[in-house]
N, C-alpha and C. Protein backbone atom coordinates (compact mmCIF):
# COMPACT_ATOMS: atom_id res chain seq x y z
N UNK A 1 31.79 -7.93 -3.81
CA UNK A 1 30.72 -8.08 -2.97
C UNK A 1 29.45 -7.43 -3.28
N UNK A 2 28.16 -8.15 -3.00
CA UNK A 2 27.00 -7.64 -3.44
C UNK A 2 26.73 -6.21 -2.74
N UNK A 3 26.12 -5.33 -3.70
CA UNK A 3 25.66 -4.18 -2.99
C UNK A 3 24.52 -3.52 -4.25
N UNK A 4 23.47 -3.27 -3.23
CA UNK A 4 22.19 -3.10 -4.10
C UNK A 4 22.28 -1.91 -4.79
N UNK A 5 21.86 -1.63 -6.00
CA UNK A 5 21.88 -0.52 -6.99
C UNK A 5 21.17 0.51 -6.21
N UNK A 6 21.69 1.85 -6.01
CA UNK A 6 21.09 3.01 -5.32
C UNK A 6 19.48 3.35 -5.72
N UNK A 7 19.20 3.04 -6.97
CA UNK A 7 17.83 3.07 -7.64
C UNK A 7 16.89 2.42 -6.95
N UNK A 8 17.60 1.00 -6.88
CA UNK A 8 16.54 -0.05 -6.24
C UNK A 8 16.51 0.22 -4.73
N UNK A 9 17.34 0.63 -3.96
CA UNK A 9 17.48 0.91 -2.72
C UNK A 9 16.65 2.26 -2.36
N UNK A 10 16.39 3.19 -3.58
CA UNK A 10 15.71 4.35 -3.16
C UNK A 10 14.05 3.92 -3.43
N UNK A 11 13.90 3.09 -4.39
CA UNK A 11 12.43 2.95 -4.70
C UNK A 11 11.74 1.76 -4.23
N UNK A 12 12.59 0.98 -3.56
CA UNK A 12 11.86 -0.18 -2.85
C UNK A 12 12.07 -0.50 -1.36
N UNK A 13 11.39 -1.24 -0.78
CA UNK A 13 11.47 -1.42 0.56
C UNK A 13 11.87 -3.08 0.94
N UNK A 14 12.94 -3.23 1.70
CA UNK A 14 13.48 -4.72 1.97
C UNK A 14 12.28 -5.41 2.78
N UNK A 15 12.12 -6.72 2.11
CA UNK A 15 11.17 -7.75 2.68
C UNK A 15 12.02 -8.83 3.36
N UNK A 16 12.93 -9.26 2.81
CA UNK A 16 13.68 -10.39 3.14
C UNK A 16 14.79 -11.03 2.32
N UNK A 17 15.52 -12.24 2.64
CA UNK A 17 16.44 -12.78 1.89
C UNK A 17 16.18 -14.17 1.55
N UNK A 18 16.15 -14.67 0.33
CA UNK A 18 15.91 -15.89 0.08
C UNK A 18 17.39 -16.70 0.03
N UNK A 19 17.56 -17.94 -0.68
CA UNK A 19 18.77 -18.22 -0.63
C UNK A 19 19.64 -17.49 -1.68
N UNK A 20 19.10 -17.40 -2.98
CA UNK A 20 19.84 -16.39 -3.77
C UNK A 20 19.73 -14.87 -3.83
N UNK A 21 18.43 -14.48 -3.82
CA UNK A 21 17.92 -13.43 -4.25
C UNK A 21 17.62 -12.55 -2.76
N UNK A 22 17.69 -11.10 -2.76
CA UNK A 22 16.96 -10.29 -1.97
C UNK A 22 15.44 -10.03 -2.47
N UNK A 23 14.54 -9.89 -1.56
CA UNK A 23 12.99 -9.61 -1.99
C UNK A 23 12.91 -8.27 -1.57
N UNK A 24 12.51 -7.56 -2.49
CA UNK A 24 11.98 -6.14 -2.09
C UNK A 24 10.58 -5.92 -2.70
N UNK A 25 9.89 -4.75 -2.19
CA UNK A 25 8.58 -4.29 -2.40
C UNK A 25 8.90 -2.98 -3.24
N UNK A 26 8.47 -3.00 -4.57
CA UNK A 26 8.40 -1.54 -5.04
C UNK A 26 7.34 -0.57 -4.12
N UNK A 27 7.91 0.39 -3.80
CA UNK A 27 7.22 1.49 -3.15
C UNK A 27 6.19 2.36 -3.81
N UNK A 28 5.27 1.54 -4.24
CA UNK A 28 4.09 1.93 -4.78
C UNK A 28 2.91 0.99 -4.63
N UNK A 29 1.68 1.66 -3.76
CA UNK A 29 0.64 0.96 -3.46
C UNK A 29 -0.39 0.82 -4.51
N UNK A 30 -0.22 1.03 -5.64
CA UNK A 30 -1.42 1.02 -6.65
C UNK A 30 -1.29 -0.37 -7.24
N UNK A 31 -0.07 -1.12 -7.23
CA UNK A 31 -0.01 -2.35 -7.71
C UNK A 31 0.80 -3.27 -7.00
N UNK A 32 0.47 -4.48 -6.38
CA UNK A 32 1.22 -5.43 -5.69
C UNK A 32 2.65 -5.76 -6.67
N UNK A 33 3.94 -5.28 -6.26
CA UNK A 33 4.97 -5.29 -7.07
C UNK A 33 6.25 -5.76 -6.40
N UNK A 34 6.81 -6.68 -6.65
CA UNK A 34 7.82 -7.39 -5.98
C UNK A 34 9.03 -7.38 -6.88
N UNK A 35 10.21 -7.22 -6.25
CA UNK A 35 11.52 -7.30 -7.00
C UNK A 35 12.46 -8.31 -6.47
N UNK A 36 12.89 -9.12 -7.13
CA UNK A 36 13.85 -10.07 -6.54
C UNK A 36 15.37 -9.52 -7.34
N UNK A 37 16.31 -9.62 -6.44
CA UNK A 37 17.68 -9.23 -6.71
C UNK A 37 18.90 -10.04 -6.46
N UNK A 38 19.32 -11.02 -7.36
CA UNK A 38 20.32 -11.87 -6.89
C UNK A 38 21.59 -11.32 -6.46
N UNK A 39 22.01 -11.76 -4.94
CA UNK A 39 22.92 -11.26 -4.06
C UNK A 39 24.27 -11.38 -4.64
N UNK A 40 24.47 -11.26 -5.88
CA UNK A 40 26.07 -11.61 -6.57
C UNK A 40 26.46 -10.13 -7.05
N UNK A 41 27.58 -10.07 -7.09
CA UNK A 41 28.25 -8.65 -7.56
C UNK A 41 28.47 -8.68 -9.04
N UNK A 42 28.08 -7.47 -9.72
CA UNK A 42 28.42 -7.19 -10.97
C UNK A 42 27.68 -8.12 -11.93
N UNK A 43 26.47 -8.45 -11.82
CA UNK A 43 25.68 -9.40 -12.73
C UNK A 43 24.34 -8.28 -13.41
N UNK A 44 24.45 -8.55 -14.38
CA UNK A 44 23.54 -7.97 -15.19
C UNK A 44 22.35 -8.63 -16.14
N UNK A 45 22.97 -9.79 -16.29
CA UNK A 45 22.25 -10.69 -16.91
C UNK A 45 22.06 -12.17 -16.26
N UNK A 46 20.98 -12.86 -16.56
CA UNK A 46 20.88 -13.93 -15.94
C UNK A 46 21.99 -15.17 -16.34
N UNK A 47 22.37 -15.07 -17.72
CA UNK A 47 23.22 -16.03 -18.00
C UNK A 47 24.36 -16.12 -17.35
N UNK A 48 24.92 -14.82 -16.77
CA UNK A 48 26.03 -14.58 -16.17
C UNK A 48 26.15 -15.37 -14.75
N UNK A 49 25.01 -15.71 -14.33
CA UNK A 49 24.90 -16.70 -12.82
C UNK A 49 25.52 -18.22 -13.34
N UNK A 50 25.94 -18.87 -12.42
CA UNK A 50 26.22 -20.21 -12.40
C UNK A 50 24.89 -21.06 -12.84
N UNK A 51 25.15 -22.21 -13.46
CA UNK A 51 23.91 -22.74 -13.69
C UNK A 51 23.07 -23.20 -12.61
N UNK A 52 23.72 -23.40 -11.41
CA UNK A 52 22.78 -23.59 -10.15
C UNK A 52 22.00 -22.42 -9.86
N UNK A 53 23.00 -21.19 -9.93
CA UNK A 53 22.29 -20.14 -9.52
C UNK A 53 21.00 -19.65 -10.57
N UNK A 54 21.46 -20.16 -11.59
CA UNK A 54 20.23 -19.92 -12.88
C UNK A 54 18.98 -20.56 -12.45
N UNK A 55 19.02 -21.79 -12.11
CA UNK A 55 17.90 -22.70 -11.61
C UNK A 55 17.42 -22.10 -10.35
N UNK A 56 18.33 -21.74 -9.30
CA UNK A 56 17.81 -21.26 -8.28
C UNK A 56 17.01 -19.69 -8.30
N UNK A 57 17.46 -18.96 -9.17
CA UNK A 57 16.72 -17.71 -9.70
C UNK A 57 15.39 -18.23 -10.30
N UNK A 58 15.36 -19.22 -11.03
CA UNK A 58 14.03 -19.55 -11.72
C UNK A 58 13.08 -20.14 -10.61
N UNK A 59 13.49 -20.88 -9.67
CA UNK A 59 12.63 -21.48 -8.55
C UNK A 59 12.10 -20.37 -7.74
N UNK A 60 12.98 -19.25 -7.14
CA UNK A 60 12.53 -18.31 -6.54
C UNK A 60 11.70 -17.29 -6.97
N UNK A 61 11.83 -17.09 -8.40
CA UNK A 61 10.66 -16.33 -9.10
C UNK A 61 9.65 -16.98 -9.17
N UNK A 62 9.76 -18.26 -9.39
CA UNK A 62 8.21 -19.13 -9.42
C UNK A 62 7.69 -19.08 -8.08
N UNK A 63 8.42 -19.33 -7.37
CA UNK A 63 7.85 -19.38 -5.64
C UNK A 63 7.15 -18.02 -5.21
N UNK A 64 7.88 -16.88 -5.49
CA UNK A 64 7.34 -15.69 -5.13
C UNK A 64 6.19 -15.29 -6.05
N UNK A 65 6.13 -15.62 -7.40
CA UNK A 65 5.16 -15.54 -8.17
C UNK A 65 3.94 -15.97 -7.78
N UNK A 66 3.87 -17.42 -7.46
CA UNK A 66 2.75 -18.31 -6.85
C UNK A 66 2.29 -17.64 -5.58
N UNK A 67 3.14 -17.56 -4.75
CA UNK A 67 2.58 -16.81 -3.36
C UNK A 67 2.08 -15.33 -3.45
N UNK A 68 2.41 -14.34 -4.40
CA UNK A 68 2.07 -13.34 -4.38
C UNK A 68 0.67 -13.28 -5.06
N UNK A 69 0.50 -14.25 -6.18
CA UNK A 69 -0.78 -14.45 -6.85
C UNK A 69 -1.94 -14.76 -5.81
N UNK A 70 -1.34 -15.71 -5.02
CA UNK A 70 -2.37 -16.33 -3.80
C UNK A 70 -2.82 -15.49 -3.03
N UNK A 71 -1.63 -14.31 -2.73
CA UNK A 71 -2.05 -13.42 -1.54
C UNK A 71 -3.10 -12.57 -2.17
N UNK A 72 -2.56 -11.85 -3.15
CA UNK A 72 -3.15 -10.57 -3.64
C UNK A 72 -4.46 -10.87 -4.93
N UNK A 73 -4.58 -12.07 -5.19
CA UNK A 73 -5.51 -12.60 -5.90
C UNK A 73 -5.79 -11.81 -7.35
N UNK A 74 -4.54 -11.50 -8.10
CA UNK A 74 -4.42 -10.76 -9.19
C UNK A 74 -5.37 -11.45 -10.39
N UNK A 75 -5.35 -10.72 -11.44
CA UNK A 75 -6.10 -11.08 -12.78
C UNK A 75 -5.06 -11.63 -13.62
N UNK A 76 -3.66 -11.06 -13.42
CA UNK A 76 -2.60 -11.48 -14.26
C UNK A 76 -1.33 -11.26 -13.49
N UNK A 77 -0.26 -11.99 -14.10
CA UNK A 77 0.99 -11.85 -13.31
C UNK A 77 1.88 -11.17 -14.48
N UNK A 78 2.48 -10.18 -14.07
CA UNK A 78 3.61 -9.79 -15.16
C UNK A 78 5.02 -9.80 -14.46
N UNK A 79 5.91 -10.55 -15.35
CA UNK A 79 7.14 -10.93 -14.83
C UNK A 79 8.15 -10.36 -15.69
N UNK A 80 9.32 -9.63 -15.36
CA UNK A 80 10.35 -9.03 -16.53
C UNK A 80 11.63 -8.72 -15.69
N UNK A 81 12.60 -8.69 -16.67
CA UNK A 81 14.16 -8.22 -16.13
C UNK A 81 14.40 -7.29 -17.38
N UNK A 82 14.10 -5.96 -17.21
CA UNK A 82 14.26 -5.15 -18.26
C UNK A 82 15.74 -4.57 -18.11
N UNK A 83 16.01 -3.84 -17.05
CA UNK A 83 17.58 -3.52 -16.94
C UNK A 83 17.94 -2.21 -17.80
N UNK A 84 17.08 -1.62 -18.36
CA UNK A 84 17.48 -0.58 -19.27
C UNK A 84 18.18 0.44 -18.40
N UNK A 85 17.38 1.12 -17.18
CA UNK A 85 17.85 2.08 -16.48
C UNK A 85 18.73 1.63 -15.05
N UNK A 86 18.31 0.60 -14.83
CA UNK A 86 19.18 -0.07 -13.59
C UNK A 86 19.69 -1.56 -14.15
N UNK A 87 21.11 -1.28 -14.42
CA UNK A 87 21.81 -2.51 -14.94
C UNK A 87 21.82 -3.69 -14.18
N UNK A 88 21.69 -3.44 -12.86
CA UNK A 88 21.91 -4.65 -11.97
C UNK A 88 20.75 -5.52 -12.09
N UNK A 89 20.90 -6.92 -12.37
CA UNK A 89 20.06 -7.94 -12.41
C UNK A 89 19.17 -7.89 -11.45
N UNK A 90 17.69 -7.90 -11.88
CA UNK A 90 16.58 -7.67 -11.09
C UNK A 90 15.38 -8.26 -12.01
N UNK A 91 14.58 -8.82 -10.95
CA UNK A 91 13.37 -9.42 -11.55
C UNK A 91 11.93 -8.94 -11.11
N UNK A 92 11.06 -8.22 -11.98
CA UNK A 92 10.01 -7.59 -11.40
C UNK A 92 8.84 -8.70 -11.43
N UNK A 93 7.98 -8.60 -10.45
CA UNK A 93 6.82 -9.42 -10.46
C UNK A 93 5.56 -8.70 -9.90
N UNK A 94 4.70 -8.49 -10.93
CA UNK A 94 3.83 -7.45 -10.69
C UNK A 94 2.53 -8.03 -10.79
N UNK A 95 1.62 -8.05 -9.74
CA UNK A 95 0.24 -8.54 -9.82
C UNK A 95 -0.49 -7.19 -10.50
N UNK A 96 -1.31 -7.85 -11.52
CA UNK A 96 -2.19 -6.78 -12.20
C UNK A 96 -3.79 -7.13 -12.12
N UNK A 97 -4.35 -5.93 -11.94
CA UNK A 97 -5.94 -6.38 -11.91
C UNK A 97 -6.56 -5.52 -13.13
N UNK A 98 -7.54 -6.03 -13.50
CA UNK A 98 -8.25 -5.28 -14.81
C UNK A 98 -8.69 -3.92 -14.48
N UNK A 99 -8.85 -3.73 -13.17
CA UNK A 99 -9.35 -2.34 -12.66
C UNK A 99 -8.11 -1.55 -12.26
N UNK A 100 -6.83 -2.08 -12.34
CA UNK A 100 -5.83 -1.22 -11.94
C UNK A 100 -5.61 0.24 -12.76
N UNK A 101 -4.99 1.17 -12.27
CA UNK A 101 -5.02 2.53 -12.99
C UNK A 101 -4.53 2.50 -14.51
N UNK A 102 -3.74 1.65 -14.93
CA UNK A 102 -3.14 1.64 -16.24
C UNK A 102 -3.34 0.32 -16.92
N UNK A 103 -4.23 -0.53 -16.43
CA UNK A 103 -4.71 -1.89 -17.30
C UNK A 103 -5.15 -1.42 -18.54
N UNK A 104 -4.67 -1.86 -19.83
CA UNK A 104 -3.65 -3.03 -19.72
C UNK A 104 -2.28 -2.57 -20.06
N UNK A 105 -1.99 -1.48 -20.01
CA UNK A 105 -0.58 -1.18 -20.31
C UNK A 105 0.23 -1.50 -19.51
N UNK A 106 1.72 -1.54 -19.50
CA UNK A 106 2.79 -1.96 -18.82
C UNK A 106 3.05 -0.88 -17.45
N UNK A 107 3.06 -1.17 -16.43
CA UNK A 107 3.25 -0.36 -15.30
C UNK A 107 4.44 0.54 -15.48
N UNK A 108 5.44 -0.20 -16.20
CA UNK A 108 6.49 0.70 -16.36
C UNK A 108 6.46 1.88 -17.13
N UNK A 109 6.67 3.18 -16.65
CA UNK A 109 6.60 4.42 -17.14
C UNK A 109 5.19 4.80 -17.29
N UNK A 110 4.09 4.00 -17.07
CA UNK A 110 2.95 4.41 -16.98
C UNK A 110 2.07 4.69 -15.95
N UNK A 111 2.55 4.18 -14.64
CA UNK A 111 1.96 4.30 -13.40
C UNK A 111 2.42 5.39 -12.39
N UNK A 112 1.27 6.32 -11.86
CA UNK A 112 1.82 7.53 -11.11
C UNK A 112 2.58 6.86 -9.58
N UNK A 113 3.24 7.56 -9.02
CA UNK A 113 3.84 7.03 -7.83
C UNK A 113 2.85 7.44 -6.50
N UNK A 114 2.56 6.22 -5.84
CA UNK A 114 1.71 6.15 -4.60
C UNK A 114 2.24 5.45 -3.50
N UNK A 115 3.35 6.09 -2.79
CA UNK A 115 3.97 5.32 -1.68
C UNK A 115 3.25 4.67 -0.72
N UNK A 116 3.40 3.58 -0.16
CA UNK A 116 2.81 2.94 0.74
C UNK A 116 2.99 3.59 2.14
N UNK A 117 1.75 3.47 3.02
CA UNK A 117 1.83 4.21 4.39
C UNK A 117 2.60 3.15 5.21
N UNK A 118 3.06 3.56 6.28
CA UNK A 118 3.85 2.92 7.43
C UNK A 118 3.19 1.59 7.56
N UNK A 119 1.70 1.69 7.63
CA UNK A 119 0.87 0.78 8.36
C UNK A 119 0.76 -0.26 7.08
N UNK A 120 0.54 0.22 5.96
CA UNK A 120 0.38 -0.83 4.83
C UNK A 120 1.66 -1.43 4.58
N UNK A 121 2.91 -1.09 4.52
CA UNK A 121 4.38 -1.62 4.49
C UNK A 121 4.36 -2.62 5.82
N UNK A 122 3.81 -2.53 7.02
CA UNK A 122 3.89 -3.28 8.00
C UNK A 122 2.97 -4.86 7.61
N UNK A 123 1.77 -4.23 7.14
CA UNK A 123 0.89 -5.34 6.76
C UNK A 123 1.41 -6.21 5.60
N UNK A 124 1.82 -5.46 4.53
CA UNK A 124 2.34 -6.42 3.44
C UNK A 124 3.61 -7.22 3.73
N UNK A 125 4.53 -6.58 4.71
CA UNK A 125 5.82 -7.43 5.05
C UNK A 125 5.27 -8.71 5.82
N UNK A 126 4.47 -8.38 6.94
CA UNK A 126 3.90 -9.61 7.65
C UNK A 126 3.39 -10.65 6.89
N UNK A 127 2.42 -10.11 5.80
CA UNK A 127 1.83 -11.39 5.18
C UNK A 127 2.72 -11.91 4.41
N UNK A 128 3.75 -11.49 3.68
CA UNK A 128 4.65 -12.04 2.88
C UNK A 128 5.76 -12.86 3.60
N UNK A 129 5.95 -12.47 5.10
CA UNK A 129 6.86 -13.20 5.68
C UNK A 129 6.31 -14.41 6.09
N UNK A 130 4.95 -14.39 6.50
CA UNK A 130 4.25 -15.54 6.99
C UNK A 130 4.13 -16.49 5.64
N UNK A 131 3.70 -16.09 4.68
CA UNK A 131 3.46 -17.13 3.69
C UNK A 131 4.88 -17.77 2.97
N UNK A 132 5.77 -16.77 3.05
CA UNK A 132 7.15 -17.42 2.44
C UNK A 132 7.63 -18.53 3.48
N UNK A 133 7.68 -18.33 4.81
CA UNK A 133 8.08 -19.19 5.93
C UNK A 133 7.46 -20.38 5.93
N UNK A 134 5.97 -19.99 5.44
CA UNK A 134 5.50 -21.73 5.16
C UNK A 134 6.03 -22.45 4.19
N UNK A 135 6.24 -21.84 3.21
CA UNK A 135 7.01 -22.63 2.02
C UNK A 135 8.58 -22.80 2.07
N UNK A 136 9.11 -22.00 2.72
CA UNK A 136 10.73 -22.03 2.61
C UNK A 136 11.31 -21.84 3.96
N UNK A 137 12.01 -22.61 4.42
CA UNK A 137 12.76 -22.67 5.66
C UNK A 137 13.88 -21.64 5.70
N UNK A 138 14.39 -21.47 4.74
CA UNK A 138 15.56 -20.54 4.56
C UNK A 138 15.40 -19.29 4.18
N UNK A 139 14.35 -18.51 4.64
CA UNK A 139 13.99 -17.33 4.49
C UNK A 139 14.41 -16.47 5.69
N UNK A 140 14.81 -15.45 5.40
CA UNK A 140 15.43 -14.37 6.70
C UNK A 140 14.67 -13.21 6.21
N UNK A 141 13.65 -12.79 7.08
CA UNK A 141 13.11 -11.57 6.89
C UNK A 141 13.89 -10.32 7.34
N UNK A 142 13.47 -9.24 6.68
CA UNK A 142 14.38 -8.07 7.12
C UNK A 142 13.27 -7.17 7.90
């Protein structure tokens, strides 16, 4: 049975469920940073998913990447699946701006914590829900 890793649960905010992945928002308002987590148990690498699930992961990553770039109008999109600290497979989608606090360095390990306010979370959730539902009928918001 799928269970979200405790670190991801502590560091992120639930946004909703796609066909394969749970969509979460990193709780750091300095950069728009989303995380996709395949809802499959004991998966640490993409190759461990079935071929159909690998295709679905790629499609969901592309969809969320495109929508977040449209919403947040970033200068660059960073996508990665590092997994050195959290072994559960998860895909980072980070919108970067040339004026963000750590540009051009990577956000991992370089950006300070700056949690969203309750109102910011509400606004980001609503914006993402609306955009995703316009493109994907099988989205279940949290």
